Amino acid sequence: MLLKMPEIQKRINKLVFCASDSIAVFGGLYALQDKFGLVPDAISGLCSSSPLAIREIQEFSDIPILQSLEKDCKKIFEIIK
């Protein structure tokens, strides 16, 4: 698998994990950390459109959420720069 290759991991500057819902975020974060030793810099995707999903994600993760309706581009830029 590509993510297991050190050559690939070295090339990752920022990692934004996208998921459809909070359960997918929970499982995806676990898999990224457990299987590949990776921790995303931000979370985004369909899950970032739901206030409920955002609250659920924030209960188990401190990773910033790039909300799909966020109008403040500076905030997003600070996370991914």
Foldseek 3Di string as FASTA:
>chain_A
DQLQDPVNVVPPPAAEAEDQALVCVVVVQCCCCVVRVDHHLEYEYNHLADPVRVVSNVVPDPRHYDRPPDPPVVVVVVSGD
